[in-house]
Amino acid sequence: MAPIRLARLPDRTPVRIALLLSPELARSLQDYAEVYAKAYGQTEPLGELIPAMLGAFLDGDREFARLRKSRKAE
């Protein structure tokens, strides 16, 4: 059978990670969620915001991206 145009979809199975946060960090995250709700007029649970925040942080770290790319090339 000839390959189709759409590539195989990547694994999308969520991975559960349990974290212990300091009280200060937990308050900061809650404050961020409140600011987010005011900015966009929509409340989102922290469980939805935190992965997006981590993704944005990692995507914006150019040194991490460079090192990750060089590691994959090895």
PDB file of N, CA and C in Angstrom:
ATOM      1  N   MET A   1       0.846  -1.183   0.000  1.00  0.00           N
ATOM      2  CA  MET A   1       0.000   0.000   0.000  1.00  0.00           C
ATOM      3  C   MET A   1       0.887   1.240   0.000  1.00  0.00           C
ATOM      4  N   ALA A   2       0.560   2.206  -0.801  1.00  0.00           N
ATOM      5  CA  ALA A   2       1.326   3.447  -0.874  1.00  0.00           C
ATOM      6  C   ALA A   2       1.117   4.266   0.391  1.00  0.00           C
ATOM      7  N   PRO A   3       2.167   4.962   0.860  1.00  0.00           N
ATOM      8  CA  PRO A   3       1.992   5.794   2.057  1.00  0.00           C
ATOM      9  C   PRO A   3       1.011   6.931   1.785  1.00  0.00           C
ATOM     10  N   ILE A   4       0.263   7.256   2.774  1.00  0.00           N
ATOM     11  CA  ILE A   4      -0.669   8.376   2.631  1.00  0.00           C
ATOM     12  C   ILE A   4       0.030   9.677   3.008  1.00  0.00           C
ATOM     13  N   ARG A   5      -0.563  10.773   2.670  1.00  0.00           N
ATOM     14  CA  ARG A   5       0.054  12.085   2.882  1.00  0.00           C
ATOM     15  C   ARG A   5       0.230  12.426   4.359  1.00  0.00           C
ATOM     16  N   LEU A   6      -0.758  12.094   5.166  1.00  0.00           N
ATOM     17  CA  LEU A   6      -0.694  12.419   6.587  1.00  0.00           C
ATOM     18  C   LEU A   6       0.232  11.433   7.297  1.00  0.00           C
ATOM     19  N   ALA A   7       1.205  11.971   8.006  1.00  0.00           N
ATOM     20  CA  ALA A   7       2.118  11.118   8.772  1.00  0.00           C
ATOM     21  C   ALA A   7       1.389  10.531   9.973  1.00  0.00           C
ATOM     22  N   ARG A   8       1.955   9.468  10.499  1.00  0.00           N
ATOM     23  CA  ARG A   8       1.372   8.844  11.682  1.00  0.00           C
ATOM     24  C   ARG A   8       1.345   9.860  12.823  1.00  0.00           C
ATOM     25  N   LEU A   9       0.240   9.927  13.525  1.00  0.00           N
ATOM     26  CA  LEU A   9       0.102  10.875  14.631  1.00  0.00           C
ATOM     27  C   LEU A   9       0.999  10.462  15.787  1.00  0.00           C
ATOM     28  N   PRO A  10       1.572  11.430  16.496  1.00  0.00           N
ATOM     29  CA  PRO A  10       2.422  11.114  17.647  1.00  0.00           C
ATOM     30  C   PRO A  10       1.584  10.598  18.813  1.00  0.00           C
ATOM     31  N   ASP A  11       2.245   9.980  19.761  1.00  0.00           N
ATOM     32  CA  ASP A  11       1.573   9.489  20.960  1.00  0.00           C
ATOM     33  C   ASP A  11       0.966  10.679  21.705  1.00  0.00           C
ATOM     34  N   ARG A  12      -0.316  10.604  21.984  1.00  0.00           N
ATOM     35  CA  ARG A  12      -1.009  11.686  22.681  1.00  0.00           C
ATOM     36  C   ARG A  12      -1.553  11.229  24.023  1.00  0.00           C
ATOM     37  N   THR A  13      -1.006  10.148  24.539  1.00  0.00           N
ATOM     38  CA  THR A  13      -1.449   9.636  25.829  1.00  0.00           C
ATOM     39  C   THR A  13      -0.930  10.555  26.930  1.00  0.00           C
ATOM     40  N   PRO A  14      -1.805  11.134  27.738  1.00  0.00           N
ATOM     41  CA  PRO A  14      -1.340  12.022  28.810  1.00  0.00           C
ATOM     42  C   PRO A  14      -0.514  11.254  29.838  1.00  0.00           C
ATOM     43  N   VAL A  15       0.427  11.948  30.421  1.00  0.00           N
ATOM     44  CA  VAL A  15       1.276  11.387  31.468  1.00  0.00           C
ATOM     45  C   VAL A  15       0.979  12.140  32.750  1.00  0.00           C
ATOM     46  N   ARG A  16       0.637  11.414  33.800  1.00  0.00           N
ATOM     47  CA  ARG A  16       0.328  12.042  35.083  1.00  0.00           C
ATOM     48  C   ARG A  16       1.625  12.174  35.889  1.00  0.00           C
ATOM     49  N   ILE A  17       1.868  13.373  36.385  1.00  0.00           N
ATOM     50  CA  ILE A  17       3.013  13.653  37.241  1.00  0.00           C
ATOM     51  C   ILE A  17       2.491  14.364  38.486  1.00  0.00           C
ATOM     52  N   ALA A  18       2.798  13.828  39.633  1.00  0.00           N
ATOM     53  CA  ALA A  18       2.385  14.454  40.895  1.00  0.00           C
ATOM     54  C   ALA A  18       3.526  15.321  41.402  1.00  0.00           C
ATOM     55  N   LEU A  19       3.202  16.526  41.812  1.00  0.00           N
ATOM     56  CA  LEU A  19       4.205  17.469  42.301  1.00  0.00           C
ATOM     57  C   LEU A  19       3.827  17.979  43.683  1.00  0.00           C
ATOM     58  N   LEU A  20       4.824  18.238  44.473  1.00  0.00           N
ATOM     59  CA  LEU A  20       4.625  18.940  45.739  1.00  0.00           C
ATOM     60  C   LEU A  20       5.147  20.355  45.538  1.00  0.00           C
ATOM     61  N   LEU A  21       4.315  21.331  45.830  1.00  0.00           N
ATOM     62  CA  LEU A  21       4.686  22.731  45.648  1.00  0.00           C
ATOM     63  C   LEU A  21       4.796  23.415  46.991  1.00  0.00           C
ATOM     64  N   SER A  22       5.660  24.397  47.038  1.00  0.00           N
ATOM     65  CA  SER A  22       5.727  25.213  48.247  1.00  0.00           C
ATOM     66  C   SER A  22       4.434  26.017  48.347  1.00  0.00           C
ATOM     67  N   PRO A  23       4.037  26.392  49.554  1.00  0.00           N
ATOM     68  CA  PRO A  23       2.831  27.225  49.684  1.00  0.00           C
ATOM     69  C   PRO A  23       2.935  28.517  48.886  1.00  0.00           C
ATOM     70  N   GLU A  24       4.117  29.093  48.835  1.00  0.00           N
ATOM     71  CA  GLU A  24       4.312  30.346  48.087  1.00  0.00           C
ATOM     72  C   GLU A  24       4.080  30.143  46.595  1.00  0.00           C
ATOM     73  N   LEU A  25       4.631  29.056  46.050  1.00  0.00           N
ATOM     74  CA  LEU A  25       4.430  28.782  44.626  1.00  0.00           C
ATOM     75  C   LEU A  25       2.971  28.471  44.327  1.00  0.00           C
ATOM     76  N   ALA A  26       2.321  27.745  45.198  1.00  0.00           N
ATOM     77  CA  ALA A  26       0.894  27.441  45.008  1.00  0.00           C
ATOM     78  C   ALA A  26       0.062  28.722  44.990  1.00  0.00           C
ATOM     79  N   ARG A  27       0.373  29.661  45.884  1.00  0.00           N
ATOM     80  CA  ARG A  27      -0.343  30.951  45.901  1.00  0.00           C
ATOM     81  C   ARG A  27      -0.059  31.735  44.619  1.00  0.00           C
ATOM     82  N   SER A  28       1.189  31.704  44.173  1.00  0.00           N
ATOM     83  CA  SER A  28       1.543  32.415  42.942  1.00  0.00           C
ATOM     84  C   SER A  28       0.801  31.844  41.743  1.00  0.00           C
ATOM     85  N   LEU A  29       0.677  30.534  41.678  1.00  0.00           N
ATOM     86  CA  LEU A  29      -0.047  29.908  40.585  1.00  0.00           C
ATOM     87  C   LEU A  29      -1.532  30.272  40.638  1.00  0.00           C
ATOM     88  N   GLN A  30      -2.086  30.301  41.818  1.00  0.00           N
ATOM     89  CA  GLN A  30      -3.484  30.697  41.961  1.00  0.00           C
ATOM     90  C   GLN A  30      -3.673  32.159  41.558  1.00  0.00           C
ATOM     91  N   ASP A  31      -2.738  33.019  41.960  1.00  0.00           N
ATOM     92  CA  ASP A  31      -2.783  34.427  41.553  1.00  0.00           C
ATOM     93  C   ASP A  31      -2.702  34.548  40.031  1.00  0.00           C
ATOM     94  N   TYR A  32      -1.843  33.742  39.414  1.00  0.00           N
ATOM     95  CA  TYR A  32      -1.703  33.772  37.959  1.00  0.00           C
ATOM     96  C   TYR A  32      -3.023  33.373  37.295  1.00  0.00           C
ATOM     97  N   ALA A  33      -3.671  32.346  37.844  1.00  0.00           N
ATOM     98  CA  ALA A  33      -4.950  31.898  37.286  1.00  0.00           C
ATOM     99  C   ALA A  33      -5.989  33.013  37.372  1.00  0.00           C
ATOM    100  N   GLU A  34      -5.970  33.772  38.453  1.00  0.00           N
ATOM    101  CA  GLU A  34      -6.910  34.889  38.595  1.00  0.00           C
ATOM    102  C   GLU A  34      -6.607  35.995  37.592  1.00  0.00           C
ATOM    103  N   VAL A  35      -5.330  36.305  37.397  1.00  0.00           N
ATOM    104  CA  VAL A  35      -4.943  37.317  36.414  1.00  0.00           C
ATOM    105  C   VAL A  35      -5.315  36.847  35.007  1.00  0.00           C
ATOM    106  N   TYR A  36      -5.105  35.582  34.732  1.00  0.00           N
ATOM    107  CA  TYR A  36      -5.476  35.001  33.441  1.00  0.00           C
ATOM    108  C   TYR A  36      -6.983  35.171  33.200  1.00  0.00           C
ATOM    109  N   ALA A  37      -7.783  34.856  34.213  1.00  0.00           N
ATOM    110  CA  ALA A  37      -9.237  34.970  34.087  1.00  0.00           C
ATOM    111  C   ALA A  37      -9.653  36.405  33.802  1.00  0.00           C
ATOM    112  N   LYS A  38      -9.014  37.363  34.453  1.00  0.00           N
ATOM    113  CA  LYS A  38      -9.340  38.768  34.199  1.00  0.00           C
ATOM    114  C   LYS A  38      -8.907  39.192  32.802  1.00  0.00           C
ATOM    115  N   ALA A  39      -7.757  38.698  32.362  1.00  0.00           N
ATOM    116  CA  ALA A  39      -7.227  39.081  31.052  1.00  0.00           C
ATOM    117  C   ALA A  39      -8.067  38.525  29.912  1.00  0.00           C
ATOM    118  N   TYR A  40      -8.564  37.295  30.067  1.00  0.00           N
ATOM    119  CA  TYR A  40      -9.267  36.633  28.975  1.00  0.00           C
ATOM    120  C   TYR A  40     -10.760  36.432  29.223  1.00  0.00           C
ATOM    121  N   GLY A  41     -11.235  36.812  30.414  1.00  0.00           N
ATOM    122  CA  GLY A  41     -12.649  36.673  30.703  1.00  0.00           C
ATOM    123  C   GLY A  41     -13.121  35.237  30.817  1.00  0.00           C
ATOM    124  N   GLN A  42     -12.191  34.349  31.086  1.00  0.00           N
ATOM    125  CA  GLN A  42     -12.532  32.929  31.193  1.00  0.00           C
ATOM    126  C   GLN A  42     -11.652  32.282  32.255  1.00  0.00           C
ATOM    127  N   THR A  43     -12.290  31.594  33.182  1.00  0.00           N
ATOM    128  CA  THR A  43     -11.558  30.895  34.231  1.00  0.00           C
ATOM    129  C   THR A  43     -11.103  29.540  33.719  1.00  0.00           C
ATOM    130  N   GLU A  44      -9.847  29.231  33.956  1.00  0.00           N
ATOM    131  CA  GLU A  44      -9.293  27.926  33.584  1.00  0.00           C
ATOM    132  C   GLU A  44      -8.722  27.276  34.836  1.00  0.00           C
ATOM    133  N   PRO A  45      -8.890  25.982  34.981  1.00  0.00           N
ATOM    134  CA  PRO A  45      -8.314  25.303  36.144  1.00  0.00           C
ATOM    135  C   PRO A  45      -6.788  25.266  36.050  1.00  0.00           C
ATOM    136  N   LEU A  46      -6.150  25.271  37.200  1.00  0.00           N
ATOM    137  CA  LEU A  46      -4.686  25.220  37.222  1.00  0.00           C
ATOM    138  C   LEU A  46      -4.150  24.006  36.477  1.00  0.00           C
ATOM    139  N   GLY A  47      -4.889  22.906  36.537  1.00  0.00           N
ATOM    140  CA  GLY A  47      -4.462  21.700  35.832  1.00  0.00           C
ATOM    141  C   GLY A  47      -4.370  21.881  34.330  1.00  0.00           C
ATOM    142  N   GLU A  48      -5.069  22.872  33.791  1.00  0.00           N
ATOM    143  CA  GLU A  48      -4.980  23.204  32.369  1.00  0.00           C
ATOM    144  C   GLU A  48      -3.925  24.279  32.114  1.00  0.00           C
ATOM    145  N   LEU A  49      -3.789  25.205  33.045  1.00  0.00           N
ATOM    146  CA  LEU A  49      -2.842  26.305  32.861  1.00  0.00           C
ATOM    147  C   LEU A  49      -1.385  25.862  33.039  1.00  0.00           C
ATOM    148  N   ILE A  50      -1.127  25.031  34.029  1.00  0.00           N
ATOM    149  CA  ILE A  50       0.261  24.666  34.342  1.00  0.00           C
ATOM    150  C   ILE A  50       0.962  23.986  33.169  1.00  0.00           C
ATOM    151  N   PRO A  51       0.362  22.991  32.495  1.00  0.00           N
ATOM    152  CA  PRO A  51       1.053  22.414  31.341  1.00  0.00           C
ATOM    153  C   PRO A  51       1.320  23.448  30.240  1.00  0.00           C
ATOM    154  N   ALA A  52       0.371  24.360  30.018  1.00  0.00           N
ATOM    155  CA  ALA A  52       0.578  25.406  29.010  1.00  0.00           C
ATOM    156  C   ALA A  52       1.715  26.331  29.423  1.00  0.00           C
ATOM    157  N   MET A  53       1.795  26.653  30.711  1.00  0.00           N
ATOM    158  CA  MET A  53       2.864  27.517  31.213  1.00  0.00           C
ATOM    159  C   MET A  53       4.222  26.831  31.057  1.00  0.00           C
ATOM    160  N   LEU A  54       4.290  25.555  31.404  1.00  0.00           N
ATOM    161  CA  LEU A  54       5.555  24.818  31.268  1.00  0.00           C
ATOM    162  C   LEU A  54       5.962  24.712  29.804  1.00  0.00           C
ATOM    163  N   GLY A  55       4.996  24.445  28.936  1.00  0.00           N
ATOM    164  CA  GLY A  55       5.298  24.372  27.513  1.00  0.00           C
ATOM    165  C   GLY A  55       5.825  25.690  26.971  1.00  0.00           C
ATOM    166  N   ALA A  56       5.201  26.790  27.366  1.00  0.00           N
ATOM    167  CA  ALA A  56       5.649  28.111  26.918  1.00  0.00           C
ATOM    168  C   ALA A  56       7.051  28.407  27.437  1.00  0.00           C
ATOM    169  N   PHE A  57       7.317  28.016  28.685  1.00  0.00           N
ATOM    170  CA  PHE A  57       8.641  28.227  29.255  1.00  0.00           C
ATOM    171  C   PHE A  57       9.693  27.445  28.466  1.00  0.00           C
ATOM    172  N   LEU A  58       9.423  26.164  28.223  1.00  0.00           N
ATOM    173  CA  LEU A  58      10.395  25.341  27.502  1.00  0.00           C
ATOM    174  C   LEU A  58      10.569  25.803  26.060  1.00  0.00           C
ATOM    175  N   ASP A  59       9.468  26.180  25.409  1.00  0.00           N
ATOM    176  CA  ASP A  59       9.553  26.669  24.032  1.00  0.00           C
ATOM    177  C   ASP A  59      10.356  27.956  23.931  1.00  0.00           C
ATOM    178  N   GLY A  60      10.346  28.767  24.975  1.00  0.00           N
ATOM    179  CA  GLY A  60      11.058  30.039  24.964  1.00  0.00           C
ATOM    180  C   GLY A  60      12.509  29.955  25.408  1.00  0.00           C
ATOM    181  N   ASP A  61      12.944  28.801  25.872  1.00  0.00           N
ATOM    182  CA  ASP A  61      14.319  28.637  26.348  1.00  0.00           C
ATOM    183  C   ASP A  61      15.205  28.215  25.181  1.00  0.00           C
ATOM    184  N   ARG A  62      15.862  29.174  24.570  1.00  0.00           N
ATOM    185  CA  ARG A  62      16.663  28.916  23.372  1.00  0.00           C
ATOM    186  C   ARG A  62      17.859  28.012  23.646  1.00  0.00           C
ATOM    187  N   GLU A  63      18.480  28.173  24.785  1.00  0.00           N
ATOM    188  CA  GLU A  63      19.625  27.326  25.110  1.00  0.00           C
ATOM    189  C   GLU A  63      19.188  25.870  25.270  1.00  0.00           C
ATOM    190  N   PHE A  64      18.065  25.652  25.914  1.00  0.00           N
ATOM    191  CA  PHE A  64      17.525  24.299  26.044  1.00  0.00           C
ATOM    192  C   PHE A  64      17.252  23.709  24.660  1.00  0.00           C
ATOM    193  N   ALA A  65      16.629  24.484  23.778  1.00  0.00           N
ATOM    194  CA  ALA A  65      16.327  24.004  22.424  1.00  0.00           C
ATOM    195  C   ALA A  65      17.607  23.645  21.679  1.00  0.00           C
ATOM    196  N   ARG A  66      18.625  24.472  21.822  1.00  0.00           N
ATOM    197  CA  ARG A  66      19.897  24.208  21.140  1.00  0.00           C
ATOM    198  C   ARG A  66      20.527  22.923  21.665  1.00  0.00           C
ATOM    199  N   LEU A  67      20.574  22.779  22.979  1.00  0.00           N
ATOM    200  CA  LEU A  67      21.172  21.583  23.571  1.00  0.00           C
ATOM    201  C   LEU A  67      20.365  20.340  23.250  1.00  0.00           C
ATOM    202  N   ARG A  68      19.062  20.460  23.247  1.00  0.00           N
ATOM    203  CA  ARG A  68      18.206  19.314  22.930  1.00  0.00           C
ATOM    204  C   ARG A  68      18.400  18.873  21.487  1.00  0.00           C
ATOM    205  N   LYS A  69      18.505  19.854  20.585  1.00  0.00           N
ATOM    206  CA  LYS A  69      18.713  19.541  19.168  1.00  0.00           C
ATOM    207  C   LYS A  69      20.064  18.875  18.959  1.00  0.00           C
ATOM    208  N   SER A  70      21.093  19.385  19.613  1.00  0.00           N
ATOM    209  CA  SER A  70      22.427  18.793  19.440  1.00  0.00           C
ATOM    210  C   SER A  70      22.472  17.384  20.043  1.00  0.00           C
ATOM    211  N   ARG A  71      21.721  17.141  21.097  1.00  0.00           N
ATOM    212  CA  ARG A  71      21.690  15.810  21.717  1.00  0.00           C
ATOM    213  C   ARG A  71      21.012  14.818  20.788  1.00  0.00           C
ATOM    214  N   LYS A  72      19.962  15.251  20.087  1.00  0.00           N
ATOM    215  CA  LYS A  72      19.250  14.369  19.157  1.00  0.00           C
ATOM    216  C   LYS A  72      20.094  14.046  17.928  1.00  0.00           C
ATOM    217  N   ALA A  73      21.013  14.955  17.577  1.00  0.00           N
ATOM    218  CA  ALA A  73      21.855  14.747  16.396  1.00  0.00           C
ATOM    219  C   ALA A  73      22.961  13.720  16.674  1.00  0.00           C
ATOM    220  N   GLU A  74      23.211  13.429  17.929  1.00  0.00           N
ATOM    221  CA  GLU A  74      24.292  12.490  18.260  1.00  0.00           C
ATOM    222  C   GLU A  74      23.953  11.078  17.892  1.00  0.00           C
TER     223      GLU A  74
END
